[in-house]
Amino acid sequence: MVKRVTSWSTASLVVALVAVTAVPASHAQDELPVIESADASHSDWGDSTVDINQVEMSEEGGYVTVAWTVNNEGETKFGVTDFGHDTYLYTDDGTAGVALVDEENGLRYNAVNDSADYCLCAGISQAPDVKFRISPGDSVTYWTSYFISEETNEVAVEVPGFEPVSGIPIE
């Protein structure tokens, strides 16, 4: 059984936001490291891949930001709303469906939301900084935020529409 973590107090969010290192919504592919990649599992996305670029915990501990890049190598467009959450309601779904899994301790971490239920992730509320549609041949970098156990050293990253990426170290 996997426990789910999604929401935290406003005070915790304020402390975490002070510690955030913002990851812009779009980068040239060669600017970010690639820790690991996964193939698309969505049948319409062809040979598209997702690269996990960074999983970093704040110095204060517990607040984690994940940077990841989608490489559309298929023949159809897809967009940021394809990475939303199907179970939990967020005011701005954005990339809220991207989850971290602490496989060792059986914990699943969902994107952090604030007191107004906005996802602390790349999404519609960050317009015009977020590229909403990913055309064939495009690569777009997004980010998603979490509160996780400070003892967690490694996670699996699950991006909707792609195979899970296991064994990702937390910096």
C-alpha atoms as a PDB file:
ATOM      1  CA  MET A   1       0.000   0.000   0.000  1.00  0.00           C
ATOM      2  CA  VAL A   2       1.337   3.425  -0.959  1.00  0.00           C
ATOM      3  CA  LYS A   3       0.512   6.434   1.233  1.00  0.00           C
ATOM      4  CA  ARG A   4      -0.255   9.706  -0.579  1.00  0.00           C
ATOM      5  CA  VAL A   5       1.010  13.174   0.372  1.00  0.00           C
ATOM      6  CA  THR A   6      -0.431  16.236  -1.426  1.00  0.00           C
ATOM      7  CA  SER A   7      -1.165  19.242   0.764  1.00  0.00           C
ATOM      8  CA  TRP A   8       0.725  21.217   3.377  1.00  0.00           C
ATOM      9  CA  SER A   9       0.038  24.218   5.586  1.00  0.00           C
ATOM     10  CA  THR A  10       0.406  27.760   4.297  1.00  0.00           C
ATOM     11  CA  ALA A  11       3.285  28.389   6.725  1.00  0.00           C
ATOM     12  CA  SER A  12       5.197  25.401   5.356  1.00  0.00           C
ATOM     13  CA  LEU A  13       4.615  26.593   1.817  1.00  0.00           C
ATOM     14  CA  VAL A  14       5.902  30.092   2.577  1.00  0.00           C
ATOM     15  CA  VAL A  15       9.094  28.670   4.082  1.00  0.00           C
ATOM     16  CA  ALA A  16       9.540  26.383   1.093  1.00  0.00           C
ATOM     17  CA  LEU A  17       8.891  29.080  -1.485  1.00  0.00           C
ATOM     18  CA  VAL A  18      11.618  31.244   0.021  1.00  0.00           C
ATOM     19  CA  ALA A  19      14.027  28.373  -0.630  1.00  0.00           C
ATOM     20  CA  VAL A  20      12.938  27.705  -4.217  1.00  0.00           C
ATOM     21  CA  THR A  21      15.378  27.875  -7.052  1.00  0.00           C
ATOM     22  CA  ALA A  22      13.103  28.575 -10.001  1.00  0.00           C
ATOM     23  CA  VAL A  23      13.505  26.437 -13.083  1.00  0.00           C
ATOM     24  CA  PRO A  24      12.325  28.307 -16.177  1.00  0.00           C
ATOM     25  CA  ALA A  25       9.618  26.572 -18.170  1.00  0.00           C
ATOM     26  CA  SER A  26      11.706  26.294 -21.298  1.00  0.00           C
ATOM     27  CA  HIS A  27      15.403  25.525 -21.824  1.00  0.00           C
ATOM     28  CA  ALA A  28      17.564  24.492 -24.696  1.00  0.00           C
ATOM     29  CA  GLN A  29      18.093  20.751 -24.313  1.00  0.00           C
ATOM     30  CA  ASP A  30      21.868  21.008 -23.920  1.00  0.00           C
ATOM     31  CA  GLU A  31      21.650  23.398 -20.933  1.00  0.00           C
ATOM     32  CA  LEU A  32      20.374  20.813 -18.456  1.00  0.00           C
ATOM     33  CA  PRO A  33      21.886  17.511 -17.399  1.00  0.00           C
ATOM     34  CA  VAL A  34      19.937  14.322 -18.090  1.00  0.00           C
ATOM     35  CA  ILE A  35      19.917  11.991 -15.084  1.00  0.00           C
ATOM     36  CA  GLU A  36      17.718   9.374 -16.751  1.00  0.00           C
ATOM     37  CA  SER A  37      15.163   9.105 -19.561  1.00  0.00           C
ATOM     38  CA  ALA A  38      11.980   7.139 -20.231  1.00  0.00           C
ATOM     39  CA  ASP A  39       9.953   6.303 -23.311  1.00  0.00           C
ATOM     40  CA  ALA A  40       6.365   7.304 -23.928  1.00  0.00           C
ATOM     41  CA  SER A  41       3.712   4.835 -22.819  1.00  0.00           C
ATOM     42  CA  HIS A  42       0.911   6.878 -24.423  1.00  0.00           C
ATOM     43  CA  SER A  43       0.148   5.227 -27.759  1.00  0.00           C
ATOM     44  CA  ASP A  44      -0.250   8.523 -29.681  1.00  0.00           C
ATOM     45  CA  TRP A  45       3.123   9.971 -28.611  1.00  0.00           C
ATOM     46  CA  GLY A  46       5.305   7.684 -30.734  1.00  0.00           C
ATOM     47  CA  ASP A  47       9.004   7.760 -29.877  1.00  0.00           C
ATOM     48  CA  SER A  48       8.682  10.709 -27.482  1.00  0.00           C
ATOM     49  CA  THR A  49      10.769  10.656 -24.310  1.00  0.00           C
ATOM     50  CA  VAL A  50      10.952  12.401 -20.968  1.00  0.00           C
ATOM     51  CA  ASP A  51      14.308  13.371 -19.423  1.00  0.00           C
ATOM     52  CA  ILE A  52      14.666  13.827 -15.681  1.00  0.00           C
ATOM     53  CA  ASN A  53      17.028  16.788 -15.371  1.00  0.00           C
ATOM     54  CA  GLN A  54      17.141  17.543 -11.676  1.00  0.00           C
ATOM     55  CA  VAL A  55      15.649  16.399  -8.372  1.00  0.00           C
ATOM     56  CA  GLU A  56      16.839  18.836  -5.738  1.00  0.00           C
ATOM     57  CA  MET A  57      15.950  19.257  -2.058  1.00  0.00           C
ATOM     58  CA  SER A  58      16.147  22.691  -0.442  1.00  0.00           C
ATOM     59  CA  GLU A  59      18.865  23.325   2.144  1.00  0.00           C
ATOM     60  CA  GLU A  60      16.154  23.567   4.787  1.00  0.00           C
ATOM     61  CA  GLY A  61      15.085  20.034   3.818  1.00  0.00           C
ATOM     62  CA  GLY A  62      11.809  18.481   2.769  1.00  0.00           C
ATOM     63  CA  TYR A  63      10.991  20.772  -0.179  1.00  0.00           C
ATOM     64  CA  VAL A  64      11.923  19.170  -3.504  1.00  0.00           C
ATOM     65  CA  THR A  65      11.765  20.586  -7.024  1.00  0.00           C
ATOM     66  CA  VAL A  66      11.938  18.315 -10.056  1.00  0.00           C
ATOM     67  CA  ALA A  67      12.940  19.646 -13.480  1.00  0.00           C
ATOM     68  CA  TRP A  68      12.039  17.420 -16.433  1.00  0.00           C
ATOM     69  CA  THR A  69      12.053  17.793 -20.197  1.00  0.00           C
ATOM     70  CA  VAL A  70       9.550  16.358 -22.667  1.00  0.00           C
ATOM     71  CA  ASN A  71      10.947  15.550 -26.126  1.00  0.00           C
ATOM     72  CA  ASN A  72       8.130  15.197 -28.652  1.00  0.00           C
ATOM     73  CA  GLU A  73       9.437  12.730 -31.232  1.00  0.00           C
ATOM     74  CA  GLY A  74       5.943  11.663 -32.296  1.00  0.00           C
ATOM     75  CA  GLU A  75       3.652  13.015 -34.984  1.00  0.00           C
ATOM     76  CA  THR A  76       0.972  14.650 -32.798  1.00  0.00           C
ATOM     77  CA  LYS A  77       0.924  17.668 -30.517  1.00  0.00           C
ATOM     78  CA  PHE A  78       0.346  17.227 -26.818  1.00  0.00           C
ATOM     79  CA  GLY A  79       0.381  19.728 -24.003  1.00  0.00           C
ATOM     80  CA  VAL A  80       0.889  20.676 -20.391  1.00  0.00           C
ATOM     81  CA  THR A  81      -2.675  19.638 -19.511  1.00  0.00           C
ATOM     82  CA  ASP A  82      -1.761  16.055 -20.448  1.00  0.00           C
ATOM     83  CA  PHE A  83       0.415  16.031 -17.321  1.00  0.00           C
ATOM     84  CA  GLY A  84      -2.431  16.981 -14.964  1.00  0.00           C
ATOM     85  CA  HIS A  85      -3.754  14.936 -12.072  1.00  0.00           C
ATOM     86  CA  ASP A  86      -6.703  12.580 -12.587  1.00  0.00           C
ATOM     87  CA  THR A  87      -7.535  12.044  -8.904  1.00  0.00           C
ATOM     88  CA  TYR A  88      -6.904  15.238  -6.946  1.00  0.00           C
ATOM     89  CA  LEU A  89      -8.422  18.570  -7.907  1.00  0.00           C
ATOM     90  CA  TYR A  90      -6.045  21.485  -8.315  1.00  0.00           C
ATOM     91  CA  THR A  91      -7.194  25.006  -9.264  1.00  0.00           C
ATOM     92  CA  ASP A  92      -4.491  25.035 -11.975  1.00  0.00           C
ATOM     93  CA  ASP A  93      -3.794  21.417 -12.855  1.00  0.00           C
ATOM     94  CA  GLY A  94      -0.646  22.154 -14.866  1.00  0.00           C
ATOM     95  CA  THR A  95       1.915  19.413 -14.290  1.00  0.00           C
ATOM     96  CA  ALA A  96       0.274  18.259 -11.030  1.00  0.00           C
ATOM     97  CA  GLY A  97       0.054  14.660 -12.240  1.00  0.00           C
ATOM     98  CA  VAL A  98       3.810  14.140 -12.006  1.00  0.00           C
ATOM     99  CA  ALA A  99       4.454  12.091  -8.856  1.00  0.00           C
ATOM    100  CA  LEU A 100       7.487  10.999  -6.863  1.00  0.00           C
ATOM    101  CA  VAL A 101       7.558   7.531  -5.327  1.00  0.00           C
ATOM    102  CA  ASP A 102       9.787   6.553  -2.430  1.00  0.00           C
ATOM    103  CA  GLU A 103       9.820   2.868  -3.331  1.00  0.00           C
ATOM    104  CA  GLU A 104      11.870   1.872  -0.271  1.00  0.00           C
ATOM    105  CA  ASN A 105       9.291   3.279   2.179  1.00  0.00           C
ATOM    106  CA  GLY A 106       6.138   2.813   0.080  1.00  0.00           C
ATOM    107  CA  LEU A 107       5.292   6.530  -0.120  1.00  0.00           C
ATOM    108  CA  ARG A 108       3.841   8.360  -3.122  1.00  0.00           C
ATOM    109  CA  TYR A 109       4.269  12.143  -3.188  1.00  0.00           C
ATOM    110  CA  ASN A 110       1.926  14.278  -5.258  1.00  0.00           C
ATOM    111  CA  ALA A 111       2.602  17.870  -6.272  1.00  0.00           C
ATOM    112  CA  VAL A 112       2.308  20.426  -3.486  1.00  0.00           C
ATOM    113  CA  ASN A 113      -0.683  22.733  -3.593  1.00  0.00           C
ATOM    114  CA  ASP A 114      -1.185  26.012  -1.762  1.00  0.00           C
ATOM    115  CA  SER A 115      -4.167  27.068   0.378  1.00  0.00           C
ATOM    116  CA  ALA A 116      -6.079  28.086  -2.791  1.00  0.00           C
ATOM    117  CA  ASP A 117      -5.356  24.635  -4.304  1.00  0.00           C
ATOM    118  CA  TYR A 118      -2.960  25.942  -6.956  1.00  0.00           C
ATOM    119  CA  CYS A 119      -0.281  23.447  -7.869  1.00  0.00           C
ATOM    120  CA  LEU A 120       3.255  24.632  -7.208  1.00  0.00           C
ATOM    121  CA  CYS A 121       4.294  23.494 -10.652  1.00  0.00           C
ATOM    122  CA  ALA A 122       4.506  24.606 -14.259  1.00  0.00           C
ATOM    123  CA  GLY A 123       0.983  25.318 -15.419  1.00  0.00           C
ATOM    124  CA  ILE A 124      -1.559  27.686 -16.825  1.00  0.00           C
ATOM    125  CA  SER A 125      -1.195  30.217 -13.987  1.00  0.00           C
ATOM    126  CA  GLN A 126       2.442  30.824 -15.024  1.00  0.00           C
ATOM    127  CA  ALA A 127       1.499  32.083 -18.502  1.00  0.00           C
ATOM    128  CA  PRO A 128       3.210  33.361 -20.626  1.00  0.00           C
ATOM    129  CA  ASP A 129       6.288  31.553 -19.258  1.00  0.00           C
ATOM    130  CA  VAL A 130       4.938  28.041 -19.857  1.00  0.00           C
ATOM    131  CA  LYS A 131       4.744  26.510 -23.293  1.00  0.00           C
ATOM    132  CA  PHE A 132       1.321  24.844 -23.376  1.00  0.00           C
ATOM    133  CA  ARG A 133       1.549  22.836 -26.615  1.00  0.00           C
ATOM    134  CA  ILE A 134       4.471  20.594 -27.511  1.00  0.00           C
ATOM    135  CA  SER A 135       4.709  20.197 -31.272  1.00  0.00           C
ATOM    136  CA  PRO A 136       6.518  17.331 -32.997  1.00  0.00           C
ATOM    137  CA  GLY A 137      10.261  17.986 -32.801  1.00  0.00           C
ATOM    138  CA  ASP A 138       9.945  20.281 -29.741  1.00  0.00           C
ATOM    139  CA  SER A 139      11.582  19.797 -26.340  1.00  0.00           C
ATOM    140  CA  VAL A 140      10.092  21.647 -23.378  1.00  0.00           C
ATOM    141  CA  THR A 141      11.270  21.728 -19.752  1.00  0.00           C
ATOM    142  CA  TYR A 142       8.762  21.857 -16.887  1.00  0.00           C
ATOM    143  CA  TRP A 143       9.005  21.719 -13.097  1.00  0.00           C
ATOM    144  CA  THR A 144       6.950  20.334 -10.224  1.00  0.00           C
ATOM    145  CA  SER A 145       7.341  20.797  -6.436  1.00  0.00           C
ATOM    146  CA  TYR A 146       6.877  18.418  -3.506  1.00  0.00           C
ATOM    147  CA  PHE A 147       7.291  18.081   0.243  1.00  0.00           C
ATOM    148  CA  ILE A 148       8.941  14.757   1.006  1.00  0.00           C
ATOM    149  CA  SER A 149      10.668  13.066   3.916  1.00  0.00           C
ATOM    150  CA  GLU A 150      14.151  14.479   4.497  1.00  0.00           C
ATOM    151  CA  GLU A 151      15.398  10.898   4.893  1.00  0.00           C
ATOM    152  CA  THR A 152      14.452  10.025   1.302  1.00  0.00           C
ATOM    153  CA  ASN A 153      17.568   9.813  -0.876  1.00  0.00           C
ATOM    154  CA  GLU A 154      16.145   8.301  -4.048  1.00  0.00           C
ATOM    155  CA  VAL A 155      12.792   8.371  -5.853  1.00  0.00           C
ATOM    156  CA  ALA A 156      11.008   7.123  -8.926  1.00  0.00           C
ATOM    157  CA  VAL A 157       9.540   9.901 -11.079  1.00  0.00           C
ATOM    158  CA  GLU A 158       6.201   9.181 -12.742  1.00  0.00           C
ATOM    159  CA  VAL A 159       5.219  11.518 -15.590  1.00  0.00           C
ATOM    160  CA  PRO A 160       1.762  10.792 -17.068  1.00  0.00           C
ATOM    161  CA  GLY A 161       2.080   9.255 -20.527  1.00  0.00           C
ATOM    162  CA  PHE A 162       5.623   7.958 -19.941  1.00  0.00           C
ATOM    163  CA  GLU A 163       7.193   4.909 -18.336  1.00  0.00           C
ATOM    164  CA  PRO A 164       8.257   5.495 -14.685  1.00  0.00           C
ATOM    165  CA  VAL A 165      11.893   6.467 -14.110  1.00  0.00           C
ATOM    166  CA  SER A 166      13.312   4.673 -11.044  1.00  0.00           C
ATOM    167  CA  GLY A 167      16.472   5.182  -9.012  1.00  0.00           C
ATOM    168  CA  ILE A 168      16.708   8.968  -9.301  1.00  0.00           C
ATOM    169  CA  PRO A 169      18.978  10.418  -6.586  1.00  0.00           C
ATOM    170  CA  ILE A 170      17.901  13.530  -4.677  1.00  0.00           C
ATOM    171  CA  GLU A 171      20.576  16.247  -4.681  1.00  0.00           C
END
